[in-house]
Protein backbone atom coordinates (compact mmCIF):
# COMPACT_ATOMS: atom_id res chain seq x y z
CA MET A 1 48.02 -69.21 -53.01
CA LYS A 2 47.69 -72.92 -52.42
CA THR A 3 48.64 -72.50 -48.76
CA ILE A 4 45.71 -70.19 -48.02
CA ARG A 5 43.32 -72.53 -49.82
CA TYR A 6 44.66 -75.55 -47.96
CA LEU A 7 44.13 -73.85 -44.60
CA THR A 8 40.74 -72.26 -45.29
CA ASP A 9 38.94 -74.78 -47.50
CA PRO A 10 36.58 -76.75 -45.20
CA ALA A 11 37.42 -79.95 -47.06
CA LEU A 12 41.20 -79.48 -46.86
CA ALA A 13 41.69 -77.65 -43.55
CA PRO A 14 41.25 -80.75 -41.35
CA VAL A 15 44.08 -82.39 -43.30
CA PHE A 16 46.56 -79.50 -43.39
CA TRP A 17 46.04 -77.78 -40.03
CA PRO A 18 47.41 -80.78 -38.07
CA ILE A 19 50.51 -80.59 -40.27
CA VAL A 20 51.00 -76.91 -39.45
CA LEU A 21 50.38 -77.39 -35.72
CA ALA A 22 52.72 -80.39 -35.55
CA ALA A 23 55.38 -78.43 -37.45
CA VAL A 24 55.14 -75.48 -35.05
CA ALA A 25 55.40 -77.75 -32.01
CA ILE A 26 58.40 -79.56 -33.53
CA ALA A 27 60.09 -76.27 -34.46
CA LEU A 28 59.75 -74.97 -30.89
CA THR A 29 60.96 -78.25 -29.41
CA CYS A 30 64.06 -78.42 -31.60
CA ALA A 31 64.84 -74.70 -31.28
CA LEU A 32 64.83 -74.89 -27.47
CA LEU A 33 67.39 -77.71 -27.49
CA SER A 34 69.43 -76.46 -30.44
CA PRO A 35 71.77 -74.02 -28.58
CA ILE A 36 72.85 -76.83 -26.24
CA VAL A 37 73.35 -79.21 -29.18
CA VAL A 38 75.55 -76.66 -30.95
CA THR A 39 77.46 -75.55 -27.85
CA ARG A 40 78.19 -79.10 -26.70
CA ARG A 41 78.91 -80.25 -30.28
CA LEU A 42 76.29 -82.99 -30.13
CA ALA A 43 75.38 -82.85 -33.82
CA PHE A 44 77.10 -86.15 -34.61
CA VAL A 45 75.48 -87.78 -31.59
CA GLY A 46 72.11 -86.49 -32.83
CA GLN A 47 72.84 -87.94 -36.25
CA GLY A 48 73.49 -91.31 -34.65
CA VAL A 49 70.24 -91.14 -32.66
CA SER A 50 68.25 -90.13 -35.74
CA HIS A 51 69.59 -93.10 -37.68
CA ALA A 52 68.75 -95.32 -34.73
CA ALA A 53 65.16 -94.11 -35.28
CA PHE A 54 65.32 -95.65 -38.76
CA GLY A 55 66.24 -98.97 -37.19
CA GLY A 56 63.42 -98.52 -34.69
CA VAL A 57 60.89 -98.00 -37.48
CA GLY A 58 62.08 -101.19 -39.17
CA LEU A 59 61.81 -103.11 -35.90
CA ALA A 60 58.30 -101.80 -35.21
CA TYR A 61 57.00 -102.83 -38.63
CA ALA A 62 58.73 -106.19 -38.44
CA LEU A 63 56.86 -106.77 -35.16
CA GLY A 64 53.58 -105.79 -36.81
CA ILE A 65 53.34 -102.45 -34.99
CA THR A 66 52.49 -100.09 -37.84
CA GLY A 67 50.57 -97.20 -36.33
CA VAL A 68 48.00 -97.67 -39.10
CA GLY A 69 44.53 -96.44 -38.22
CA GLY A 70 45.48 -93.04 -36.86
CA THR A 71 44.29 -93.88 -33.32
CA LEU A 72 46.19 -92.68 -30.28
CA ALA A 73 46.93 -96.25 -29.17
CA SER A 74 48.36 -97.29 -32.55
CA GLU A 75 50.47 -94.15 -32.87
CA LEU A 76 51.78 -94.44 -29.31
CA SER A 77 52.68 -98.08 -29.89
CA LEU A 78 54.77 -97.17 -32.92
CA LEU A 79 56.27 -94.18 -31.12
CA GLY A 80 57.08 -96.32 -28.10
CA VAL A 81 59.06 -98.91 -30.06
CA VAL A 82 61.01 -96.29 -32.03
CA LEU A 83 61.63 -94.21 -28.90
CA ALA A 84 62.90 -97.22 -26.94
CA PHE A 85 65.30 -98.03 -29.78
CA CYS A 86 66.54 -94.44 -29.83
CA LEU A 87 66.83 -94.14 -26.06
CA ILE A 88 69.07 -97.18 -25.90
CA ALA A 89 71.25 -95.69 -28.64
CA ALA A 90 71.30 -92.29 -26.91
CA LEU A 91 72.33 -93.73 -23.55
CA VAL A 92 75.05 -95.84 -25.15
CA MET A 93 76.39 -92.73 -26.87
CA ALA A 94 76.21 -90.76 -23.64
CA ARG A 95 78.36 -93.37 -21.94
CA LEU A 96 80.76 -93.43 -24.87
CA GLY A 97 81.04 -89.65 -24.60
CA ARG A 98 82.98 -90.10 -21.37
CA ASP A 99 85.78 -91.84 -23.23
CA ARG A 100 88.31 -90.32 -25.57
CA ALA A 101 86.71 -88.27 -28.36
CA GLY A 102 88.16 -90.43 -31.13
CA ASP A 103 86.82 -93.64 -29.58
CA ALA A 104 83.40 -92.09 -29.03
CA ASP A 105 83.20 -90.79 -32.60
CA THR A 106 84.11 -94.21 -33.96
CA ALA A 107 81.52 -95.94 -31.81
CA ILE A 108 78.81 -93.43 -32.80
CA GLY A 109 79.65 -94.04 -36.45
CA VAL A 110 79.30 -97.78 -35.92
CA VAL A 111 75.91 -97.32 -34.22
CA LEU A 112 74.80 -95.06 -37.09
CA VAL A 113 75.59 -97.46 -39.92
CA ALA A 114 74.41 -100.51 -37.95
CA ALA A 115 71.02 -98.89 -37.30
CA MET A 116 70.64 -97.98 -40.97
CA ALA A 117 71.49 -101.52 -42.06
CA VAL A 118 69.08 -103.05 -39.54
CA GLY A 119 66.37 -100.61 -40.59
CA PHE A 120 66.69 -101.42 -44.30
CA LEU A 121 66.65 -105.17 -43.71
CA LEU A 122 63.70 -105.08 -41.30
CA LEU A 123 61.64 -102.83 -43.57
CA GLN A 124 62.27 -105.25 -46.43
CA VAL A 125 61.20 -108.19 -44.28
CA ALA A 126 58.12 -106.27 -43.08
CA GLY A 127 57.18 -105.38 -46.67
CA GLU A 128 57.40 -108.99 -47.84
CA ARG A 129 55.38 -110.18 -44.84
CA ALA A 130 52.74 -107.48 -45.39
CA VAL A 131 52.26 -108.57 -49.01
CA ALA A 132 51.97 -112.23 -48.00
CA LEU A 133 49.42 -111.51 -45.23
CA GLY A 134 47.50 -108.75 -47.03
CA ARG A 135 48.45 -106.13 -44.45
CA PRO A 136 49.27 -102.45 -45.14
CA LYS A 137 52.77 -102.02 -46.51
CA PRO A 138 55.37 -100.22 -44.40
CA PRO A 139 56.34 -96.69 -45.43
CA SER A 140 58.82 -96.30 -48.25
CA VAL A 141 62.46 -95.81 -47.33
CA GLU A 142 62.26 -92.36 -48.91
CA ALA A 143 59.35 -91.37 -46.64
CA VAL A 144 61.20 -92.52 -43.51
CA LEU A 145 64.44 -90.81 -44.53
CA PHE A 146 62.98 -87.49 -45.70
CA GLY A 147 59.54 -87.23 -44.10
CA SER A 148 56.07 -87.22 -45.57
CA LEU A 149 53.20 -84.77 -45.21
CA THR A 150 50.64 -87.53 -45.69
CA SER A 151 51.81 -89.29 -42.51
CA ILE A 152 50.89 -86.34 -40.27
CA GLY A 153 47.46 -86.41 -38.61
CA PRO A 154 45.69 -84.97 -35.56
CA VAL A 155 47.21 -87.62 -33.30
CA ASP A 156 50.70 -86.68 -34.49
CA ALA A 157 49.97 -83.02 -33.75
CA ALA A 158 48.81 -83.94 -30.25
CA ILE A 159 51.93 -86.04 -29.63
CA ALA A 160 54.15 -83.22 -30.90
CA GLY A 161 52.41 -80.82 -28.52
CA ALA A 162 52.92 -83.23 -25.61
CA VAL A 163 56.61 -83.59 -26.43
CA LEU A 164 56.92 -79.79 -26.57
CA ALA A 165 55.34 -79.59 -23.11
CA VAL A 166 57.84 -82.14 -21.74
CA VAL A 167 60.78 -80.22 -23.21
CA LEU A 168 59.45 -76.91 -21.87
CA VAL A 169 59.10 -78.32 -18.35
CA ALA A 170 62.54 -79.96 -18.49
CA ALA A 171 64.13 -76.78 -19.90
CA TRP A 172 62.65 -74.73 -17.08
CA LEU A 173 63.59 -77.16 -14.29
CA TRP A 174 67.12 -77.83 -15.61
CA ARG A 175 67.85 -74.42 -17.10
CA ARG A 176 70.69 -73.45 -14.76
CA PRO A 177 72.55 -76.78 -14.44
CA ALA A 178 72.05 -77.55 -18.15
CA VAL A 179 73.45 -74.16 -19.24
CA PHE A 180 76.35 -74.51 -16.78
CA TRP A 181 77.12 -77.97 -18.16
CA ALA A 182 76.75 -76.84 -21.77
CA PHE A 183 79.24 -74.00 -21.48
CA ASP A 184 81.75 -75.40 -18.96
CA GLU A 185 81.44 -79.07 -18.06
CA PRO A 186 84.65 -79.31 -15.96
CA ALA A 187 83.58 -76.33 -13.85
CA ALA A 188 80.09 -77.76 -13.45
CA GLU A 189 81.55 -81.03 -12.22
CA ALA A 190 83.92 -79.19 -9.88
CA PHE A 191 80.94 -77.37 -8.35
CA GLY A 192 79.34 -80.71 -7.54
CA LEU A 193 76.78 -80.99 -10.32
CA ARG A 194 76.03 -84.56 -11.42
CA VAL A 195 77.03 -83.92 -15.00
CA HIS A 196 76.43 -87.51 -16.10
CA LEU A 197 72.77 -87.19 -15.15
CA ILE A 198 72.52 -83.88 -17.01
CA ARG A 199 74.15 -85.46 -20.07
CA ASP A 200 71.80 -88.45 -19.93
CA GLY A 201 68.80 -86.15 -19.55
CA VAL A 202 69.82 -84.11 -22.58
CA MET A 203 70.30 -87.30 -24.59
CA LEU A 204 66.83 -88.51 -23.65
CA LEU A 205 65.29 -85.19 -24.70
CA LEU A 206 67.22 -85.34 -27.97
CA ALA A 207 65.93 -88.86 -28.64
CA LEU A 208 62.35 -87.83 -27.87
CA SER A 209 62.63 -84.77 -30.12
CA ILE A 210 64.17 -86.71 -33.01
CA VAL A 211 61.51 -89.44 -32.90
CA THR A 212 58.81 -86.77 -33.03
CA THR A 213 60.53 -84.74 -35.75
CA MET A 214 61.20 -87.65 -38.09
CA ARG A 215 57.50 -87.87 -39.08
CA LEU A 216 57.76 -84.38 -40.59
CA ALA A 217 61.40 -84.01 -41.62
CA GLY A 218 62.53 -87.61 -41.87
CA VAL A 219 65.40 -89.45 -40.21
CA ILE A 220 68.26 -87.81 -42.09
CA LEU A 221 67.05 -84.23 -41.70
CA ALA A 222 65.73 -84.45 -38.13
CA THR A 223 69.15 -83.63 -36.73
CA ALA A 224 69.42 -80.58 -38.98
CA MET A 225 66.38 -79.08 -37.25
CA LEU A 226 68.19 -79.54 -33.93
CA VAL A 227 71.40 -77.92 -35.17
CA LEU A 228 70.55 -75.08 -37.53
CA PRO A 229 68.39 -72.81 -35.29
CA GLY A 230 71.07 -72.77 -32.59
CA ALA A 231 73.84 -72.23 -35.14
CA ILE A 232 71.92 -69.26 -36.56
CA ALA A 233 71.33 -67.77 -33.10
CA LEU A 234 74.95 -68.16 -31.99
CA ARG A 235 76.11 -66.32 -35.10
CA LEU A 236 74.11 -63.30 -33.99
CA SER A 237 74.59 -63.25 -30.21
CA ARG A 238 76.56 -64.80 -27.36
CA ARG A 239 74.13 -63.92 -24.57
CA LEU A 240 71.86 -66.72 -23.39
CA GLY A 241 68.55 -64.83 -23.48
CA PRO A 242 68.91 -63.44 -27.01
CA VAL A 243 70.31 -66.77 -28.24
CA MET A 244 67.21 -68.65 -27.06
CA VAL A 245 64.86 -66.06 -28.58
CA LEU A 246 66.77 -66.03 -31.87
CA SER A 247 66.89 -69.82 -31.98
CA VAL A 248 63.13 -70.10 -31.47
CA GLY A 249 62.52 -67.37 -34.04
CA ALA A 250 64.78 -69.02 -36.61
CA GLY A 251 63.16 -72.41 -36.03
CA LEU A 252 59.65 -71.01 -36.49
CA VAL A 253 60.51 -68.92 -39.55
CA GLY A 254 62.41 -71.76 -41.20
CA THR A 255 59.69 -74.32 -40.51
CA LEU A 256 56.74 -72.18 -41.58
CA ALA A 257 58.52 -70.87 -44.68
CA GLY A 258 59.56 -74.42 -45.56
CA LEU A 259 55.98 -75.60 -45.19
CA VAL A 260 54.73 -72.84 -47.50
CA LEU A 261 57.41 -73.77 -50.03
CA SER A 262 56.38 -77.41 -49.77
CA PHE A 263 52.69 -76.61 -50.19
CA GLU A 264 53.20 -74.24 -53.10
CA GLN A 265 55.77 -76.21 -55.07
CA GLY A 266 54.85 -79.77 -54.10
CA LEU A 267 58.29 -80.38 -52.60
CA GLN A 268 59.16 -82.73 -49.76
CA THR A 269 58.67 -81.12 -46.38
CA GLY A 270 61.95 -81.94 -44.65
CA PRO A 271 64.33 -80.74 -47.38
CA SER A 272 62.23 -77.59 -47.85
CA ILE A 273 62.45 -76.68 -44.16
CA VAL A 274 66.16 -77.42 -43.96
CA GLY A 275 66.79 -75.46 -47.18
CA VAL A 276 65.17 -72.37 -45.69
CA LEU A 277 67.13 -72.80 -42.45
CA ILE A 278 70.38 -73.00 -44.42
CA VAL A 279 69.51 -69.75 -46.19
CA LEU A 280 68.90 -68.18 -42.77
CA LEU A 281 72.25 -69.54 -41.55
CA VAL A 282 74.09 -68.00 -44.50
CA GLY A 283 72.26 -64.72 -43.89
CA SER A 284 73.16 -64.75 -40.19
CA ALA A 285 76.83 -65.43 -40.99
CA LEU A 286 76.91 -62.51 -43.43
CA SER A 287 75.15 -60.27 -40.91
CA ALA A 288 77.63 -61.20 -38.18
CA ARG A 289 80.55 -60.51 -40.50
CA LEU A 290 79.15 -57.10 -41.49
CA SER A 291 78.48 -56.19 -37.86
CA HIS A 292 82.00 -57.20 -36.92
CA GLY A 293 83.43 -55.12 -39.76
CA ARG A 294 81.48 -52.06 -38.64
CA ALA A 295 82.62 -52.60 -35.04
CA LEU A 296 86.26 -52.78 -36.14
CA ALA A 297 85.90 -49.64 -38.22
CA ALA A 298 84.34 -47.77 -35.30
CA ALA A 299 86.93 -49.00 -32.80
CA GLY A 300 89.89 -48.07 -34.96
CA PRO A 301 93.42 -49.56 -34.86
CA GLY A 302 94.17 -52.12 -32.19
CA ALA A 303 90.60 -53.47 -31.98
CA PRO A 304 90.05 -57.24 -31.54
CA THR A 305 90.17 -59.11 -34.84
CA THR A 306 87.55 -61.82 -34.21
CA PRO A 307 83.84 -61.65 -33.47
CA ARG A 308 84.30 -63.73 -30.34
CA GLU A 309 86.81 -61.25 -28.93
CA THR A 310 84.56 -58.33 -29.81
CA ASN A 311 81.50 -59.86 -28.09
CA ALA A 312 83.51 -60.73 -25.01
C-alpha cells in the first residue's frame, strides 16, 4: 500500500506524517464543535465564514503575506490575516443572527458572495504582482477552494494541535452554558445566561476551526467537516455523551479513511474526506431507520411513529 510506504519510508515520512497529524487534530477540533453546529443550525453561517476565509487569503497575498518559507512566523502571519478577516465576518453574522431569520440568511448570503468575489480579485492582483516582482505565485484557486496536501507542513501540524488545545479548553470551560444555549436558547436566556457572549464565543471558535481546516480540506469543504460528524452522531443518539463520542469517532474515521483514499488514488484530500463522511452519514441514517423499525415491531400497535418520539 502506498499509505504504509509514505509513512514508513525515511525519505517520505517527514513529508506525510505532518499531514496525518494535522488531519487528526483538525478532525477532533471539528468533531467537538459539530454537534453544536448541527443543533443550532449554524451550517449556513459556517459556510459564510469559510468563504470569508477565501477573501482573507486573497487579502493576505495582496499585502505580500504569503506564508512562504514554512517558518512559524510566516505561517502565523498568514493565519493571522485570514483569521482576522473571518472573525469580523463571524461577529457580523452573530449580530445578524439576532434579527429575523430571513434577514440574517440574506445578509449571510451577501457576505458569502462578497468574500468570494473579493478573494478572486485579490488573488488575481497578487498573481500579477508576483510575476512582475519575481515573487512566489499565490496558491491556485482550486487549492484554496478544495485543499492541497502539498501545503501541509510541520508548522501547520503544530498550529492545528494548538487550535485543538484551544477548542478543548473552551469546550471544557463552556460545556454547560454552551449545551444549554445549543438546545434551548430562550430558556438559557431566561435563566440569566449571557447568550450573546456564548454565541460570539462559538462563532470565534468556528472561525478559528475553519481557518485551520481550509489548508487540508479547502474553503468550500471546511464547513462540511464541521457539519457531517455531528449529523452522523445525532442520527444514532440523542444523549449528549454518546453524541460527542460518536461525533469524534465519525470525524476521525472519515478523515483517516479519506486520507488513505487520497494517498492511494491520488485524489484531492478535502473531497475524499467529505466523500467518506457522506457514506458514513448515509450508513447512520439507514442504521437509525432499521433500529426504529425494530423498536416499533417490538413495541407493537400504538408505538410512537418517529425516531424522535421513540428516543424521548
